């Protein structure tokens, strides 16, 4: 390993997860099983991917951990918040993603992961009815949900207590909870840190989502924050300012797992081959808690905005008007309880070739939502912890590889990079750079 300025991964890394549902428990169970040598962390880039460093006679292909100091699975300590009080073992069994035989060997560890009370506002996820939620500390508001500023203060206290009790050296906060209702970005509230804090203190429940309280609390407590849902949370200028002020890295948004992963990888085939696109219709069915929440139109709108953004930055009308000036892009998600976590997606792609003759591509992906999301959770947590130790703050664009709707500075016209292979290049370059090597791959 070359000499770098990245701080070593000493001590315990606490991973505090917002949500204790299918994704979170699959992630935790798999990580605990893998460190016992009882399973393989398949799908995790940090555990398997290799990056070329050097050129010519100096060229080597190395695992990430041989280039940069990445935290070991042995050093991870898990905690969580959730609206339901069941511990991680009970929740993992209830989720029915994993077989009991793959949960039982780590039952004791999972049972010790008892969710902290969630900062929750039912207006943001109407289908959830859990009672493990924070209450207002004001005696006159007995039983009422806390103000947004109370949420922040209570979450900060949770982080401090968890860090002390578990003797963690560092904490990462990861959102793996449900999709909130869509919150349009409001320049009067979301563009400056002062305005955001004023809105929180004024208990502006329309513009301040509970997820913003988690992100704010994490950053102020010196914890990197990852947004794994399409919520309007850290993708606002006020949060970018807070990340700069606290010198903390942030990343988001929405785990890229199934259909969008396929789209971000397949659309470049169409673009590279200079084929025309007439339309791309995407639909999928799932039946887990995420599907239940997304069955509400206001929550689906948040997801739809996230999913629709992928194609437009890969197949650009302004660059190839003959090919991409007028295609139709539709995305649908349907709640179907019998399928549970076993999501199925269908993509119908209408393309055209030589002389405009039509052709069709159809993709049917039978995937397991949480099985695909779990390694993404691990990679994001380990890599944003690495970024923090490397002194990187603000939006970590190199993590866009793992995210459906990558954050970018839209206030200056920056465009998100959704092209999977360009995202992979950004990831590799960041690993090289943090490892003391030349970031030597061009992004076309």
Protein backbone atom coordinates (compact mmCIF):
# COMPACT_ATOMS: atom_id res chain seq x y z
CA UNK A 1 0.00 0.00 0.00
CA UNK A 2 1.34 3.41 -0.99
CA UNK A 3 1.71 6.27 1.45
CA UNK A 4 -1.55 8.23 1.63
CA UNK A 5 -3.08 10.95 3.76
CA UNK A 6 -6.08 8.75 4.60
CA UNK A 7 -6.44 8.11 8.32
CA UNK A 8 -6.25 4.40 9.25
CA UNK A 9 -9.48 2.49 9.95
CA UNK A 10 -8.70 2.04 13.63
CA UNK A 11 -11.32 1.01 16.18
CA UNK A 12 -14.97 0.12 15.72
CA UNK A 13 -17.16 1.48 12.95
CA UNK A 14 -20.75 1.97 14.10
CA UNK A 15 -23.36 1.72 11.35
CA UNK A 16 -26.63 3.26 12.48
CA UNK A 17 -29.40 2.34 10.04
CA UNK A 18 -32.65 4.21 9.70
CA UNK A 19 -35.06 1.31 9.24
CA UNK A 20 -35.01 -2.27 10.47
CA UNK A 21 -36.95 -3.86 7.64
CA UNK A 22 -36.05 -6.30 4.88
CA UNK A 23 -33.08 -4.39 3.45
CA UNK A 24 -31.52 -3.52 6.81
CA UNK A 25 -31.87 -6.98 8.34
CA UNK A 26 -30.61 -8.71 5.19
CA UNK A 27 -27.59 -6.40 5.23
CA UNK A 28 -26.89 -6.93 8.93
CA UNK A 29 -27.43 -10.69 8.84
CA UNK A 30 -25.21 -11.15 5.79
CA UNK A 31 -22.40 -9.03 7.24
CA UNK A 32 -22.51 -10.91 10.55
CA UNK A 33 -22.58 -14.29 8.77
CA UNK A 34 -19.73 -13.29 6.43
CA UNK A 35 -17.42 -12.28 9.23
CA UNK A 36 -17.99 -15.69 10.83
CA UNK A 37 -17.01 -17.30 7.55
CA UNK A 38 -20.49 -18.80 7.14
CA UNK A 39 -21.38 -17.04 3.89
CA UNK A 40 -19.78 -14.96 1.13
CA UNK A 41 -20.42 -11.21 0.71
CA UNK A 42 -21.22 -11.68 -2.98
CA UNK A 43 -22.12 -8.47 -4.80
CA UNK A 44 -20.01 -6.22 -2.59
CA UNK A 45 -17.50 -4.25 -4.66
CA UNK A 46 -15.39 -3.49 -1.58
CA UNK A 47 -14.93 -7.22 -1.02
CA UNK A 48 -14.43 -8.44 -4.59
CA UNK A 49 -13.73 -5.71 -7.16
CA UNK A 50 -10.18 -5.05 -8.31
CA UNK A 51 -8.78 -1.77 -9.61
CA UNK A 52 -5.80 -1.32 -11.90
CA UNK A 53 -3.15 0.95 -10.43
CA UNK A 54 -0.05 2.04 -12.28
CA UNK A 55 0.83 1.57 -15.93
CA UNK A 56 3.27 -0.51 -17.94
CA UNK A 57 5.69 -2.48 -15.77
CA UNK A 58 4.12 -0.87 -12.65
CA UNK A 59 0.60 -2.09 -13.48
CA UNK A 60 -1.21 -4.12 -10.82
CA UNK A 61 -4.83 -5.16 -10.22
CA UNK A 62 -5.59 -4.84 -6.52
CA UNK A 63 -8.57 -5.20 -4.22
CA UNK A 64 -9.77 -1.94 -2.69
CA UNK A 65 -8.42 -2.90 0.73
CA UNK A 66 -4.94 -3.32 -0.79
CA UNK A 67 -5.07 0.26 -2.09
CA UNK A 68 -6.85 2.14 0.70
CA UNK A 69 -7.51 1.40 4.39
CA UNK A 70 -11.09 0.07 4.41
CA UNK A 71 -12.78 -0.95 7.66
CA UNK A 72 -12.97 -4.67 8.29
CA UNK A 73 -16.26 -6.52 8.69
CA UNK A 74 -14.91 -7.58 12.09
CA UNK A 75 -14.96 -3.96 13.29
CA UNK A 76 -18.58 -3.15 12.39
CA UNK A 77 -21.18 -2.57 15.11
CA UNK A 78 -24.82 -2.27 14.03
CA UNK A 79 -27.66 -0.20 15.45
CA UNK A 80 -30.93 1.08 14.03
CA UNK A 81 -34.07 3.15 14.39
CA UNK A 82 -37.50 1.82 13.42
CA UNK A 83 -41.18 2.54 13.98
CA UNK A 84 -41.66 -1.12 14.95
CA UNK A 85 -40.04 -2.36 18.20
CA UNK A 86 -39.01 -5.88 17.07
CA UNK A 87 -35.30 -6.62 17.29
CA UNK A 88 -33.26 -7.40 14.18
CA UNK A 89 -33.68 -11.16 14.57
CA UNK A 90 -37.46 -10.92 14.80
CA UNK A 91 -37.55 -8.48 11.91
CA UNK A 92 -35.30 -10.67 9.73
CA UNK A 93 -37.57 -13.68 10.32
CA UNK A 94 -40.68 -11.58 9.63
CA UNK A 95 -39.24 -10.19 6.39
CA UNK A 96 -38.98 -13.73 4.93
CA UNK A 97 -36.09 -12.76 2.68
CA UNK A 98 -33.58 -15.19 4.20
CA UNK A 99 -34.03 -18.81 5.22
CA UNK A 100 -34.09 -19.47 8.95
CA UNK A 101 -30.92 -21.55 8.52
CA UNK A 102 -29.13 -18.41 7.32
CA UNK A 103 -30.35 -16.33 10.28
CA UNK A 104 -30.03 -18.70 13.25
CA UNK A 105 -26.19 -18.77 13.40
CA UNK A 106 -26.18 -15.04 14.22
CA UNK A 107 -29.42 -14.97 16.20
CA UNK A 108 -27.74 -13.82 19.39
CA UNK A 109 -26.06 -10.84 17.71
CA UNK A 110 -29.27 -9.87 15.89
CA UNK A 111 -31.37 -10.05 19.04
CA UNK A 112 -29.08 -7.49 20.63
CA UNK A 113 -29.89 -4.99 17.86
CA UNK A 114 -33.02 -3.39 19.28
CA UNK A 115 -34.35 -0.41 17.32
CA UNK A 116 -34.25 3.03 18.85
CA UNK A 117 -37.49 4.99 18.65
CA UNK A 118 -37.91 6.50 15.21
CA UNK A 119 -38.34 10.17 14.40
CA UNK A 120 -41.56 9.62 12.47
CA UNK A 121 -44.35 11.62 10.91
CA UNK A 122 -47.16 9.46 9.59
CA UNK A 123 -48.03 12.07 6.97
CA UNK A 124 -44.80 11.08 5.21
CA UNK A 125 -45.53 7.32 5.17
CA UNK A 126 -49.24 6.80 5.72
CA UNK A 127 -49.12 3.00 5.40
CA UNK A 128 -46.81 2.52 8.40
CA UNK A 129 -48.49 2.07 11.81
CA UNK A 130 -45.65 1.36 14.22
CA UNK A 131 -45.70 2.83 17.72
CA UNK A 132 -41.96 2.77 18.44
CA UNK A 133 -41.75 6.49 17.75
CA UNK A 134 -40.38 9.55 19.48
CA UNK A 135 -42.71 11.78 21.47
CA UNK A 136 -42.56 15.48 22.18
CA UNK A 137 -40.66 16.41 25.31
CA UNK A 138 -43.17 19.21 25.93
CA UNK A 139 -45.58 18.08 28.70
CA UNK A 140 -48.38 20.10 27.09
CA UNK A 141 -48.02 18.02 23.92
CA UNK A 142 -48.35 14.61 25.54
CA UNK A 143 -48.47 11.92 22.86
CA UNK A 144 -47.83 14.39 20.06
CA UNK A 145 -45.01 13.90 17.58
CA UNK A 146 -41.99 16.03 18.42
CA UNK A 147 -41.26 19.24 16.58
CA UNK A 148 -38.70 18.94 13.84
CA UNK A 149 -36.07 20.56 16.07
CA UNK A 150 -36.92 18.15 18.90
CA UNK A 151 -36.43 15.31 16.43
CA UNK A 152 -32.97 16.66 15.63
CA UNK A 153 -32.00 16.97 19.30
CA UNK A 154 -33.33 13.50 20.21
CA UNK A 155 -31.54 11.90 17.25
CA UNK A 156 -28.28 13.62 18.18
CA UNK A 157 -28.60 12.19 21.67
CA UNK A 158 -29.25 8.71 20.21
CA UNK A 159 -26.05 8.94 18.15
CA UNK A 160 -23.98 10.10 21.11
CA UNK A 161 -25.31 7.37 23.39
CA UNK A 162 -24.83 4.62 20.80
CA UNK A 163 -21.26 5.73 20.11
CA UNK A 164 -20.43 5.75 23.83
CA UNK A 165 -22.19 2.51 24.75
CA UNK A 166 -20.74 0.54 21.82
CA UNK A 167 -17.34 2.25 22.15
CA UNK A 168 -17.26 3.17 18.49
CA UNK A 169 -14.47 5.22 17.01
CA UNK A 170 -16.62 6.39 14.08
CA UNK A 171 -20.29 6.33 13.06
CA UNK A 172 -21.96 6.22 9.65
CA UNK A 173 -25.71 6.86 9.35
CA UNK A 174 -27.50 5.02 6.52
CA UNK A 175 -31.11 5.54 5.48
CA UNK A 176 -32.63 2.16 4.54
CA UNK A 177 -36.21 3.04 5.50
CA UNK A 178 -39.28 3.67 3.38
CA UNK A 179 -39.70 6.29 0.69
CA UNK A 180 -41.26 9.47 2.02
CA UNK A 181 -43.85 11.51 0.17
CA UNK A 182 -42.43 13.82 -2.46
CA UNK A 183 -41.09 17.12 -1.09
CA UNK A 184 -40.51 19.66 -3.88
CA UNK A 185 -37.35 21.72 -3.40
CA UNK A 186 -38.25 25.19 -2.15
CA UNK A 187 -35.60 27.87 -2.64
CA UNK A 188 -36.90 29.85 0.35
CA UNK A 189 -36.36 26.91 2.73
CA UNK A 190 -33.87 24.51 1.20
CA UNK A 191 -31.24 26.77 -0.38
CA UNK A 192 -29.44 28.06 2.72
CA UNK A 193 -28.49 26.44 6.00
CA UNK A 194 -29.88 29.38 7.97
CA UNK A 195 -33.27 29.01 6.28
CA UNK A 196 -33.30 25.25 6.84
CA UNK A 197 -32.51 25.60 10.54
CA UNK A 198 -35.14 28.32 10.91
CA UNK A 199 -37.74 26.05 9.29
CA UNK A 200 -36.77 23.17 11.60
CA UNK A 201 -37.08 25.42 14.66
CA UNK A 202 -40.42 26.75 13.39
CA UNK A 203 -41.62 23.13 13.00
CA UNK A 204 -42.31 23.53 9.30
CA UNK A 205 -43.66 20.03 8.68
CA UNK A 206 -44.46 20.69 5.04
CA UNK A 207 -40.92 21.50 3.93
CA UNK A 208 -38.90 19.57 6.54
CA UNK A 209 -39.15 15.79 6.13
CA UNK A 210 -38.18 13.53 9.05
CA UNK A 211 -35.29 12.24 6.91
CA UNK A 212 -33.81 15.75 6.92
CA UNK A 213 -33.73 15.61 10.72
CA UNK A 214 -31.72 12.36 10.60
CA UNK A 215 -29.29 13.84 8.08
CA UNK A 216 -28.88 17.08 10.02
CA UNK A 217 -28.34 15.22 13.32
CA UNK A 218 -25.79 12.88 11.74
CA UNK A 219 -23.73 15.65 10.15
CA UNK A 220 -23.70 17.84 13.24
CA UNK A 221 -22.54 14.83 15.27
CA UNK A 222 -19.66 14.25 12.84
CA UNK A 223 -21.16 11.25 11.02
CA UNK A 224 -21.24 10.75 7.25
CA UNK A 225 -24.79 10.30 5.93
CA UNK A 226 -26.05 8.11 3.07
CA UNK A 227 -29.57 8.48 1.67
CA UNK A 228 -30.72 5.11 0.33
CA UNK A 229 -34.21 6.21 -0.72
CA UNK A 230 -35.27 8.84 -3.29
CA UNK A 231 -36.31 11.28 -0.55
CA UNK A 232 -35.56 15.00 -0.76
CA UNK A 233 -33.04 15.01 2.07
CA UNK A 234 -29.37 15.79 1.47
CA UNK A 235 -29.78 16.78 -2.17
CA UNK A 236 -30.45 20.41 -1.25
CA UNK A 237 -27.98 23.33 -1.04
CA UNK A 238 -28.65 23.81 2.69
CA UNK A 239 -27.38 20.28 3.42
CA UNK A 240 -24.39 20.78 1.13
CA UNK A 241 -23.52 23.84 3.20
CA UNK A 242 -23.89 21.83 6.42
CA UNK A 243 -21.66 19.06 5.03
CA UNK A 244 -19.00 21.67 4.21
CA UNK A 245 -19.37 23.31 7.62
CA UNK A 246 -19.03 20.00 9.48
CA UNK A 247 -16.43 18.64 6.99
CA UNK A 248 -18.51 15.49 6.51
CA UNK A 249 -19.19 13.48 3.32
CA UNK A 250 -22.73 12.84 2.12
CA UNK A 251 -24.13 10.59 -0.61
CA UNK A 252 -27.48 9.88 -2.20
CA UNK A 253 -29.94 9.04 -3.38
CA UNK A 254 -31.80 5.74 -3.69
CA UNK A 255 -30.03 2.38 -3.82
CA UNK A 256 -29.53 1.26 -7.43
CA UNK A 257 -30.42 -2.42 -7.28
CA UNK A 258 -32.66 -3.93 -9.94
CA UNK A 259 -34.41 -2.26 -12.84
CA UNK A 260 -32.41 0.98 -12.78
CA UNK A 261 -29.14 -0.95 -12.57
CA UNK A 262 -30.18 -2.74 -15.76
CA UNK A 263 -31.24 0.55 -17.37
CA UNK A 264 -28.00 2.37 -16.52
CA UNK A 265 -26.02 -0.56 -17.94
CA UNK A 266 -28.15 -1.32 -21.00
CA UNK A 267 -28.91 2.22 -22.23
CA UNK A 268 -25.17 2.74 -23.00
CA UNK A 269 -25.38 -0.24 -25.41
CA UNK A 270 -28.07 1.59 -27.39
CA UNK A 271 -26.15 4.87 -27.27
CA UNK A 272 -22.74 3.39 -28.09
CA UNK A 273 -24.19 1.47 -31.06
CA UNK A 274 -25.96 4.67 -32.27
CA UNK A 275 -29.36 2.99 -32.37
CA UNK A 276 -32.49 5.11 -32.09
CA UNK A 277 -34.92 4.94 -29.16
CA UNK A 278 -38.68 5.27 -29.61
CA UNK A 279 -39.76 4.34 -26.10
CA UNK A 280 -38.84 2.59 -22.86
CA UNK A 281 -41.61 1.22 -20.67
CA UNK A 282 -40.59 -0.07 -17.24
CA UNK A 283 -42.89 -1.75 -14.77
CA UNK A 284 -42.34 -3.93 -11.75
CA UNK A 285 -44.15 -5.69 -8.93
CA UNK A 286 -43.06 -6.19 -5.34
CA UNK A 287 -44.79 -6.93 -2.07
CA UNK A 288 -42.50 -5.95 0.81
CA UNK A 289 -42.90 -2.94 3.11
CA UNK A 290 -41.35 -0.73 0.44
CA UNK A 291 -44.04 -1.82 -2.01
CA UNK A 292 -46.75 -1.12 0.56
CA UNK A 293 -45.52 2.42 1.11
CA UNK A 294 -45.04 3.05 -2.62
CA UNK A 295 -48.67 2.07 -3.22
CA UNK A 296 -49.55 5.57 -2.01
CA UNK A 297 -49.38 7.99 -4.99
CA UNK A 298 -47.52 10.72 -3.07
CA UNK A 299 -44.79 8.25 -2.10
CA UNK A 300 -44.61 6.73 -5.58
CA UNK A 301 -44.07 10.22 -7.01
CA UNK A 302 -40.79 10.44 -5.09
CA UNK A 303 -39.64 7.12 -6.56
CA UNK A 304 -40.86 7.99 -10.06
CA UNK A 305 -38.79 11.18 -10.19
CA UNK A 306 -35.75 9.14 -9.16
CA UNK A 307 -36.28 6.42 -11.76
CA UNK A 308 -37.15 8.72 -14.65
CA UNK A 309 -33.93 10.70 -14.36
CA UNK A 310 -31.72 7.80 -15.49
CA UNK A 311 -32.26 7.67 -19.25
CA UNK A 312 -32.24 11.40 -20.00
CA UNK A 313 -28.59 11.82 -18.98
CA UNK A 314 -27.41 8.79 -20.97
CA UNK A 315 -29.36 9.11 -24.24
CA UNK A 316 -29.25 12.86 -24.85
CA UNK A 317 -31.43 14.59 -27.40
CA UNK A 318 -29.12 17.60 -27.70
CA UNK A 319 -26.16 15.38 -28.63
CA UNK A 320 -28.02 12.99 -30.95
CA UNK A 321 -31.30 14.62 -32.06
CA UNK A 322 -31.88 12.08 -34.83
CA UNK A 323 -31.79 9.24 -32.30
CA UNK A 324 -33.17 10.55 -29.00
CA UNK A 325 -35.21 13.69 -29.58
CA UNK A 326 -38.66 12.27 -28.92
CA UNK A 327 -38.71 8.96 -27.05
CA UNK A 328 -41.40 8.02 -24.52
CA UNK A 329 -40.26 6.93 -21.05
CA UNK A 330 -42.72 5.46 -18.55
CA UNK A 331 -42.08 3.89 -15.13
CA UNK A 332 -44.57 2.02 -12.96
CA UNK A 333 -44.37 0.18 -9.63
CA UNK A 334 -47.19 -2.09 -8.54
CA UNK A 335 -47.74 -3.41 -5.02
CA UNK A 336 -48.37 -7.15 -5.16
CA UNK A 337 -48.25 -8.78 -1.69
CA UNK A 338 -47.78 -12.44 -2.78
CA UNK A 339 -44.38 -11.59 -4.26
CA UNK A 340 -43.01 -10.06 -1.01
CA UNK A 341 -39.30 -9.20 -1.49
CA UNK A 342 -39.01 -11.12 -4.75
CA UNK A 343 -39.40 -8.23 -7.13
CA UNK A 344 -40.00 -8.74 -10.83
CA UNK A 345 -39.40 -6.09 -13.44
CA UNK A 346 -40.27 -5.91 -17.11
CA UNK A 347 -38.73 -3.52 -19.59
CA UNK A 348 -40.08 -3.10 -23.09
CA UNK A 349 -37.66 -1.10 -25.24
CA UNK A 350 -38.65 0.07 -28.70
CA UNK A 351 -35.59 0.90 -30.76
CA UNK A 352 -34.96 1.65 -34.40
CA UNK A 353 -32.05 0.84 -36.66
CA UNK A 354 -30.93 1.34 -40.24
CA UNK A 355 -33.38 3.48 -42.25
CA UNK A 356 -35.57 3.77 -39.16
CA UNK A 357 -36.75 0.15 -39.14
CA UNK A 358 -38.25 -0.79 -35.73
CA UNK A 359 -37.01 -3.47 -33.34
CA UNK A 360 -37.82 -4.42 -29.76
CA UNK A 361 -35.87 -5.54 -26.73
CA UNK A 362 -37.61 -7.11 -23.73
CA UNK A 363 -35.93 -7.65 -20.36
CA UNK A 364 -37.52 -9.69 -17.57
CA UNK A 365 -35.56 -9.49 -14.31
CA UNK A 366 -36.69 -11.69 -11.42
CA UNK A 367 -34.68 -10.22 -8.61
CA UNK A 368 -34.57 -10.18 -4.83
CA UNK A 369 -34.74 -6.59 -3.72
CA UNK A 370 -32.94 -6.93 -0.39
CA UNK A 371 -30.36 -9.42 -1.71
CA UNK A 372 -29.32 -6.81 -4.29
CA UNK A 373 -29.50 -3.91 -1.82
CA UNK A 374 -27.50 -5.50 1.02
CA UNK A 375 -24.06 -5.39 -0.67
CA UNK A 376 -24.80 -1.84 -1.87
CA UNK A 377 -25.43 -0.88 1.78
CA UNK A 378 -22.11 -2.40 2.82
CA UNK A 379 -20.17 -0.70 0.03
CA UNK A 380 -21.71 2.70 0.67
CA UNK A 381 -21.03 2.53 4.40
CA UNK A 382 -17.42 1.39 4.03
CA UNK A 383 -16.64 3.83 1.24
CA UNK A 384 -18.21 6.90 2.83
CA UNK A 385 -16.32 6.06 6.03
CA UNK A 386 -13.18 5.92 3.90
CA UNK A 387 -14.07 9.28 2.35
CA UNK A 388 -14.44 10.83 5.81
CA UNK A 389 -11.02 9.53 6.87
CA UNK A 390 -9.59 10.91 3.61
CA UNK A 391 -10.87 14.36 4.54
CA UNK A 392 -13.43 14.47 1.74
CA UNK A 393 -16.59 16.43 2.49
CA UNK A 394 -19.79 17.32 0.70
CA UNK A 395 -21.37 15.25 -2.09
CA UNK A 396 -19.34 12.15 -2.93
CA UNK A 397 -19.96 11.83 -6.65
CA UNK A 398 -17.75 8.73 -6.90
CA UNK A 399 -20.49 6.81 -5.05
CA UNK A 400 -23.00 7.44 -7.86
CA UNK A 401 -22.26 3.90 -9.08
CA UNK A 402 -24.44 2.61 -6.24
CA UNK A 403 -27.23 5.16 -6.49
CA UNK A 404 -30.28 5.48 -8.69
CA UNK A 405 -30.51 9.27 -8.77
CA UNK A 406 -26.99 10.56 -8.05
CA UNK A 407 -26.68 13.90 -6.32
CA UNK A 408 -25.32 16.81 -8.33
CA UNK A 409 -25.32 20.60 -8.12
CA UNK A 410 -28.38 21.46 -10.17
CA UNK A 411 -28.12 25.11 -9.06
CA UNK A 412 -25.26 25.62 -11.53
CA UNK A 413 -26.64 23.33 -14.24
CA UNK A 414 -24.52 20.29 -13.37
CA UNK A 415 -25.91 17.06 -14.76
CA UNK A 416 -25.95 13.77 -12.88
CA UNK A 417 -23.78 10.96 -14.26
CA UNK A 418 -26.07 7.93 -14.71
CA UNK A 419 -23.98 6.01 -17.27
CA UNK A 420 -22.92 2.88 -15.34
CA UNK A 421 -19.48 2.56 -16.92
CA UNK A 422 -18.63 6.23 -16.39
CA UNK A 423 -19.77 5.83 -12.79
CA UNK A 424 -17.44 2.84 -12.39
CA UNK A 425 -14.57 4.92 -13.77
CA UNK A 426 -15.33 7.67 -11.22
CA UNK A 427 -15.32 5.05 -8.45
CA UNK A 428 -12.00 3.56 -9.55
CA UNK A 429 -10.37 6.97 -9.91
CA UNK A 430 -11.43 7.96 -6.40
CA UNK A 431 -9.99 4.72 -4.96
CA UNK A 432 -6.73 5.33 -6.84
CA UNK A 433 -6.53 8.93 -5.71
CA UNK A 434 -7.19 8.12 -2.04
CA UNK A 435 -4.63 5.34 -2.29
CA UNK A 436 -1.87 7.70 -3.44
CA UNK A 437 -1.97 6.59 -7.08
CA UNK A 438 -2.72 8.63 -10.19
CA UNK A 439 -6.43 8.90 -11.04
CA UNK A 440 -5.54 7.96 -14.59
CA UNK A 441 -8.74 6.91 -16.34
CA UNK A 442 -10.49 9.40 -18.57
CA UNK A 443 -14.27 9.75 -18.34
CA UNK A 444 -15.56 10.20 -21.90
